[in-house]
Each structure stands twice: as C-alpha cells, then as structure tokens.
Amino acid sequence: MKNKVTVEEWVKRFRAIGLDDAVMHKWHELFENENPEGHQSFLEWLGLPAERIREIRQQ
C-alpha cells in the first residue's frame, strides 16, 4: 500500500460522491477559514509545490 494520495485521487473520490468544482472550492474555502494551518499541512502532505499551495490558499 502506498503512503501518499495524489490530488487526482482526491478529486476522483470527490467526484465519485457527487462533488462538482463549485462544491470542491467551497470545501477548500471552509477548510482554509476554519483551520488554515491544517489546510496548509494537508496541501503539503499531498505533495503540492509551494507556489500551487499559495494559489489554492489565496482563492
């Protein structure tokens, strides 16, 4: 079993349960507002580069 989950795998799972782009954006927004440090940690855990993390968190 691998230790990492990719962004693509997360998106695939979100889509499988019916989330569209707008709802996924709302999920990120809620995560950022309620737990910014946790959101940062989660994005780093996904292996995203720092620039992409900044973009996501600024949206």
PDB file of N, CA and C in Angstrom:
ATOM      1  N   MET A   1       0.849  -1.183   0.000  1.00  0.00           N
ATOM      2  CA  MET A   1       0.000   0.000   0.000  1.00  0.00           C
ATOM      3  C   MET A   1       0.887   1.236   0.000  1.00  0.00           C
ATOM      4  N   LYS A   2       0.552   2.205  -0.846  1.00  0.00           N
ATOM      5  CA  LYS A   2       1.368   3.409  -0.901  1.00  0.00           C
ATOM      6  C   LYS A   2       1.000   4.381   0.220  1.00  0.00           C
ATOM      7  N   ASN A   3       1.944   5.254   0.541  1.00  0.00           N
ATOM      8  CA  ASN A   3       1.757   6.180   1.661  1.00  0.00           C
ATOM      9  C   ASN A   3       1.129   7.500   1.253  1.00  0.00           C
ATOM     10  N   LYS A   4       1.136   7.819  -0.018  1.00  0.00           N
ATOM     11  CA  LYS A   4       0.635   9.106  -0.491  1.00  0.00           C
ATOM     12  C   LYS A   4      -0.645   8.944  -1.287  1.00  0.00           C
ATOM     13  N   VAL A   5      -1.474   9.954  -1.215  1.00  0.00           N
ATOM     14  CA  VAL A   5      -2.662  10.059  -2.049  1.00  0.00           C
ATOM     15  C   VAL A   5      -2.448  11.295  -2.908  1.00  0.00           C
ATOM     16  N   THR A   6      -2.659  11.160  -4.195  1.00  0.00           N
ATOM     17  CA  THR A   6      -2.443  12.301  -5.081  1.00  0.00           C
ATOM     18  C   THR A   6      -3.661  13.209  -5.123  1.00  0.00           C
ATOM     19  N   VAL A   7      -3.444  14.412  -5.619  1.00  0.00           N
ATOM     20  CA  VAL A   7      -4.555  15.351  -5.810  1.00  0.00           C
ATOM     21  C   VAL A   7      -5.585  14.728  -6.743  1.00  0.00           C
ATOM     22  N   GLU A   8      -5.103  14.085  -7.785  1.00  0.00           N
ATOM     23  CA  GLU A   8      -6.015  13.471  -8.751  1.00  0.00           C
ATOM     24  C   GLU A   8      -6.890  12.400  -8.096  1.00  0.00           C
ATOM     25  N   GLU A   9      -6.321  11.650  -7.164  1.00  0.00           N
ATOM     26  CA  GLU A   9      -7.114  10.640  -6.455  1.00  0.00           C
ATOM     27  C   GLU A   9      -8.166  11.287  -5.564  1.00  0.00           C
ATOM     28  N   TRP A  10      -7.802  12.377  -4.891  1.00  0.00           N
ATOM     29  CA  TRP A  10      -8.779  13.099  -4.066  1.00  0.00           C
ATOM     30  C   TRP A  10      -9.918  13.615  -4.934  1.00  0.00           C
ATOM     31  N   VAL A  11      -9.573  14.240  -6.061  1.00  0.00           N
ATOM     32  CA  VAL A  11     -10.601  14.789  -6.951  1.00  0.00           C
ATOM     33  C   VAL A  11     -11.500  13.667  -7.466  1.00  0.00           C
ATOM     34  N   LYS A  12     -10.900  12.548  -7.838  1.00  0.00           N
ATOM     35  CA  LYS A  12     -11.681  11.409  -8.327  1.00  0.00           C
ATOM     36  C   LYS A  12     -12.682  10.938  -7.258  1.00  0.00           C
ATOM     37  N   ARG A  13     -12.236  10.869  -6.025  1.00  0.00           N
ATOM     38  CA  ARG A  13     -13.134  10.453  -4.930  1.00  0.00           C
ATOM     39  C   ARG A  13     -14.232  11.481  -4.683  1.00  0.00           C
ATOM     40  N   PHE A  14     -13.863  12.756  -4.691  1.00  0.00           N
ATOM     41  CA  PHE A  14     -14.867  13.813  -4.510  1.00  0.00           C
ATOM     42  C   PHE A  14     -15.917  13.735  -5.620  1.00  0.00           C
ATOM     43  N   ARG A  15     -15.466  13.565  -6.849  1.00  0.00           N
ATOM     44  CA  ARG A  15     -16.410  13.467  -7.972  1.00  0.00           C
ATOM     45  C   ARG A  15     -17.281  12.216  -7.844  1.00  0.00           C
ATOM     46  N   ALA A  16     -16.714  11.132  -7.350  1.00  0.00           N
ATOM     47  CA  ALA A  16     -17.469   9.884  -7.198  1.00  0.00           C
ATOM     48  C   ALA A  16     -18.625  10.033  -6.214  1.00  0.00           C
ATOM     49  N   ILE A  17     -18.490  10.951  -5.261  1.00  0.00           N
ATOM     50  CA  ILE A  17     -19.591  11.162  -4.306  1.00  0.00           C
ATOM     51  C   ILE A  17     -20.468  12.350  -4.697  1.00  0.00           C
ATOM     52  N   GLY A  18     -20.225  12.885  -5.911  1.00  0.00           N
ATOM     53  CA  GLY A  18     -21.120  13.906  -6.445  1.00  0.00           C
ATOM     54  C   GLY A  18     -20.675  15.344  -6.293  1.00  0.00           C
ATOM     55  N   LEU A  19     -19.455  15.582  -5.828  1.00  0.00           N
ATOM     56  CA  LEU A  19     -18.995  16.957  -5.684  1.00  0.00           C
ATOM     57  C   LEU A  19     -18.560  17.512  -7.038  1.00  0.00           C
ATOM     58  N   ASP A  20     -19.007  18.734  -7.340  1.00  0.00           N
ATOM     59  CA  ASP A  20     -18.564  19.399  -8.557  1.00  0.00           C
ATOM     60  C   ASP A  20     -17.508  20.443  -8.184  1.00  0.00           C
ATOM     61  N   ASP A  21     -17.023  21.179  -9.173  1.00  0.00           N
ATOM     62  CA  ASP A  21     -15.959  22.156  -8.924  1.00  0.00           C
ATOM     63  C   ASP A  21     -16.366  23.200  -7.886  1.00  0.00           C
ATOM     64  N   ALA A  22     -17.600  23.670  -7.953  1.00  0.00           N
ATOM     65  CA  ALA A  22     -18.064  24.697  -7.015  1.00  0.00           C
ATOM     66  C   ALA A  22     -18.061  24.180  -5.578  1.00  0.00           C
ATOM     67  N   VAL A  23     -18.490  22.948  -5.387  1.00  0.00           N
ATOM     68  CA  VAL A  23     -18.537  22.374  -4.044  1.00  0.00           C
ATOM     69  C   VAL A  23     -17.123  22.096  -3.537  1.00  0.00           C
ATOM     70  N   MET A  24     -16.249  21.626  -4.426  1.00  0.00           N
ATOM     71  CA  MET A  24     -14.858  21.401  -4.016  1.00  0.00           C
ATOM     72  C   MET A  24     -14.192  22.715  -3.633  1.00  0.00           C
ATOM     73  N   HIS A  25     -14.504  23.793  -4.341  1.00  0.00           N
ATOM     74  CA  HIS A  25     -13.971  25.110  -3.982  1.00  0.00           C
ATOM     75  C   HIS A  25     -14.488  25.520  -2.600  1.00  0.00           C
ATOM     76  N   LYS A  26     -15.763  25.286  -2.350  1.00  0.00           N
ATOM     77  CA  LYS A  26     -16.354  25.612  -1.051  1.00  0.00           C
ATOM     78  C   LYS A  26     -15.684  24.804   0.059  1.00  0.00           C
ATOM     79  N   TRP A  27     -15.374  23.525  -0.215  1.00  0.00           N
ATOM     80  CA  TRP A  27     -14.692  22.668   0.758  1.00  0.00           C
ATOM     81  C   TRP A  27     -13.341  23.266   1.127  1.00  0.00           C
ATOM     82  N   HIS A  28     -12.567  23.683   0.112  1.00  0.00           N
ATOM     83  CA  HIS A  28     -11.263  24.302   0.366  1.00  0.00           C
ATOM     84  C   HIS A  28     -11.420  25.603   1.150  1.00  0.00           C
ATOM     85  N   GLU A  29     -12.407  26.399   0.770  1.00  0.00           N
ATOM     86  CA  GLU A  29     -12.653  27.678   1.442  1.00  0.00           C
ATOM     87  C   GLU A  29     -12.982  27.458   2.917  1.00  0.00           C
ATOM     88  N   LEU A  30     -13.828  26.491   3.195  1.00  0.00           N
ATOM     89  CA  LEU A  30     -14.203  26.171   4.569  1.00  0.00           C
ATOM     90  C   LEU A  30     -12.993  25.667   5.354  1.00  0.00           C
ATOM     91  N   PHE A  31     -12.214  24.777   4.763  1.00  0.00           N
ATOM     92  CA  PHE A  31     -11.012  24.240   5.394  1.00  0.00           C
ATOM     93  C   PHE A  31     -10.059  25.385   5.727  1.00  0.00           C
ATOM     94  N   GLU A  32      -9.836  26.276   4.757  1.00  0.00           N
ATOM     95  CA  GLU A  32      -8.919  27.411   4.951  1.00  0.00           C
ATOM     96  C   GLU A  32      -9.402  28.325   6.067  1.00  0.00           C
ATOM     97  N   ASN A  33     -10.692  28.622   6.087  1.00  0.00           N
ATOM     98  CA  ASN A  33     -11.234  29.544   7.088  1.00  0.00           C
ATOM     99  C   ASN A  33     -11.260  28.944   8.494  1.00  0.00           C
ATOM    100  N   GLU A  34     -11.570  27.663   8.588  1.00  0.00           N
ATOM    101  CA  GLU A  34     -11.700  27.035   9.906  1.00  0.00           C
ATOM    102  C   GLU A  34     -10.380  26.515  10.477  1.00  0.00           C
ATOM    103  N   ASN A  35      -9.445  26.147   9.584  1.00  0.00           N
ATOM    104  CA  ASN A  35      -8.197  25.563  10.066  1.00  0.00           C
ATOM    105  C   ASN A  35      -7.078  25.839   9.050  1.00  0.00           C
ATOM    106  N   PRO A  36      -6.622  27.088   8.959  1.00  0.00           N
ATOM    107  CA  PRO A  36      -5.614  27.426   7.948  1.00  0.00           C
ATOM    108  C   PRO A  36      -4.333  26.615   8.062  1.00  0.00           C
ATOM    109  N   GLU A  37      -3.879  26.357   9.278  1.00  0.00           N
ATOM    110  CA  GLU A  37      -2.652  25.570   9.441  1.00  0.00           C
ATOM    111  C   GLU A  37      -2.861  24.125   8.995  1.00  0.00           C
ATOM    112  N   GLY A  38      -4.015  23.577   9.320  1.00  0.00           N
ATOM    113  CA  GLY A  38      -4.336  22.226   8.887  1.00  0.00           C
ATOM    114  C   GLY A  38      -4.464  22.130   7.377  1.00  0.00           C
ATOM    115  N   HIS A  39      -5.040  23.158   6.766  1.00  0.00           N
ATOM    116  CA  HIS A  39      -5.172  23.189   5.317  1.00  0.00           C
ATOM    117  C   HIS A  39      -3.796  23.221   4.662  1.00  0.00           C
ATOM    118  N   GLN A  40      -2.914  24.069   5.193  1.00  0.00           N
ATOM    119  CA  GLN A  40      -1.543  24.140   4.697  1.00  0.00           C
ATOM    120  C   GLN A  40      -0.875  22.770   4.801  1.00  0.00           C
ATOM    121  N   SER A  41      -1.009  22.151   5.951  1.00  0.00           N
ATOM    122  CA  SER A  41      -0.406  20.843   6.184  1.00  0.00           C
ATOM    123  C   SER A  41      -0.956  19.799   5.217  1.00  0.00           C
ATOM    124  N   PHE A  42      -2.256  19.812   5.001  1.00  0.00           N
ATOM    125  CA  PHE A  42      -2.894  18.872   4.083  1.00  0.00           C
ATOM    126  C   PHE A  42      -2.362  19.044   2.662  1.00  0.00           C
ATOM    127  N   LEU A  43      -2.268  20.293   2.207  1.00  0.00           N
ATOM    128  CA  LEU A  43      -1.776  20.558   0.855  1.00  0.00           C
ATOM    129  C   LEU A  43      -0.315  20.139   0.702  1.00  0.00           C
ATOM    130  N   GLU A  44       0.472  20.351   1.745  1.00  0.00           N
ATOM    131  CA  GLU A  44       1.865  19.899   1.725  1.00  0.00           C
ATOM    132  C   GLU A  44       1.921  18.372   1.682  1.00  0.00           C
ATOM    133  N   TRP A  45       1.070  17.709   2.468  1.00  0.00           N
ATOM    134  CA  TRP A  45       1.016  16.251   2.507  1.00  0.00           C
ATOM    135  C   TRP A  45       0.700  15.682   1.123  1.00  0.00           C
ATOM    136  N   LEU A  46      -0.123  16.422   0.362  1.00  0.00           N
ATOM    137  CA  LEU A  46      -0.446  15.997  -0.997  1.00  0.00           C
ATOM    138  C   LEU A  46       0.749  16.137  -1.938  1.00  0.00           C
ATOM    139  N   GLY A  47       1.785  16.835  -1.481  1.00  0.00           N
ATOM    140  CA  GLY A  47       2.985  16.985  -2.296  1.00  0.00           C
ATOM    141  C   GLY A  47       2.930  18.118  -3.291  1.00  0.00           C
ATOM    142  N   LEU A  48       2.017  19.061  -3.061  1.00  0.00           N
ATOM    143  CA  LEU A  48       1.917  20.197  -3.983  1.00  0.00           C
ATOM    144  C   LEU A  48       3.095  21.141  -3.805  1.00  0.00           C
ATOM    145  N   PRO A  49       3.552  21.748  -4.891  1.00  0.00           N
ATOM    146  CA  PRO A  49       4.633  22.729  -4.772  1.00  0.00           C
ATOM    147  C   PRO A  49       4.137  23.990  -4.061  1.00  0.00           C
ATOM    148  N   ALA A  50       5.058  24.710  -3.453  1.00  0.00           N
ATOM    149  CA  ALA A  50       4.717  25.892  -2.650  1.00  0.00           C
ATOM    150  C   ALA A  50       3.897  26.909  -3.430  1.00  0.00           C
ATOM    151  N   GLU A  51       4.242  27.144  -4.684  1.00  0.00           N
ATOM    152  CA  GLU A  51       3.505  28.125  -5.495  1.00  0.00           C
ATOM    153  C   GLU A  51       2.050  27.710  -5.676  1.00  0.00           C
ATOM    154  N   ARG A  52       1.811  26.434  -5.934  1.00  0.00           N
ATOM    155  CA  ARG A  52       0.435  25.936  -6.101  1.00  0.00           C
ATOM    156  C   ARG A  52      -0.329  26.039  -4.791  1.00  0.00           C
ATOM    157  N   ILE A  53       0.319  25.760  -3.684  1.00  0.00           N
ATOM    158  CA  ILE A  53      -0.324  25.893  -2.373  1.00  0.00           C
ATOM    159  C   ILE A  53      -0.747  27.338  -2.144  1.00  0.00           C
ATOM    160  N   ARG A  54       0.132  28.275  -2.455  1.00  0.00           N
ATOM    161  CA  ARG A  54      -0.224  29.703  -2.304  1.00  0.00           C
ATOM    162  C   ARG A  54      -1.436  30.063  -3.149  1.00  0.00           C
ATOM    163  N   GLU A  55      -1.462  29.574  -4.390  1.00  0.00           N
ATOM    164  CA  GLU A  55      -2.601  29.849  -5.277  1.00  0.00           C
ATOM    165  C   GLU A  55      -3.901  29.316  -4.680  1.00  0.00           C
ATOM    166  N   ILE A  56      -3.870  28.085  -4.221  1.00  0.00           N
ATOM    167  CA  ILE A  56      -5.073  27.470  -3.650  1.00  0.00           C
ATOM    168  C   ILE A  56      -5.532  28.244  -2.420  1.00  0.00           C
ATOM    169  N   ARG A  57      -4.612  28.588  -1.558  1.00  0.00           N
ATOM    170  CA  ARG A  57      -4.982  29.257  -0.311  1.00  0.00           C
ATOM    171  C   ARG A  57      -5.454  30.685  -0.538  1.00  0.00           C
ATOM    172  N   GLN A  58      -5.035  31.315  -1.613  1.00  0.00           N
ATOM    173  CA  GLN A  58      -5.464  32.689  -1.890  1.00  0.00           C
ATOM    174  C   GLN A  58      -6.828  32.740  -2.561  1.00  0.00           C
ATOM    175  N   GLN A  59      -7.264  31.633  -3.135  1.00  0.00           N
ATOM    176  CA  GLN A  59      -8.576  31.617  -3.785  1.00  0.00           C
ATOM    177  C   GLN A  59      -9.610  31.723  -2.751  1.00  0.00           C
TER     178      GLN A  59
END
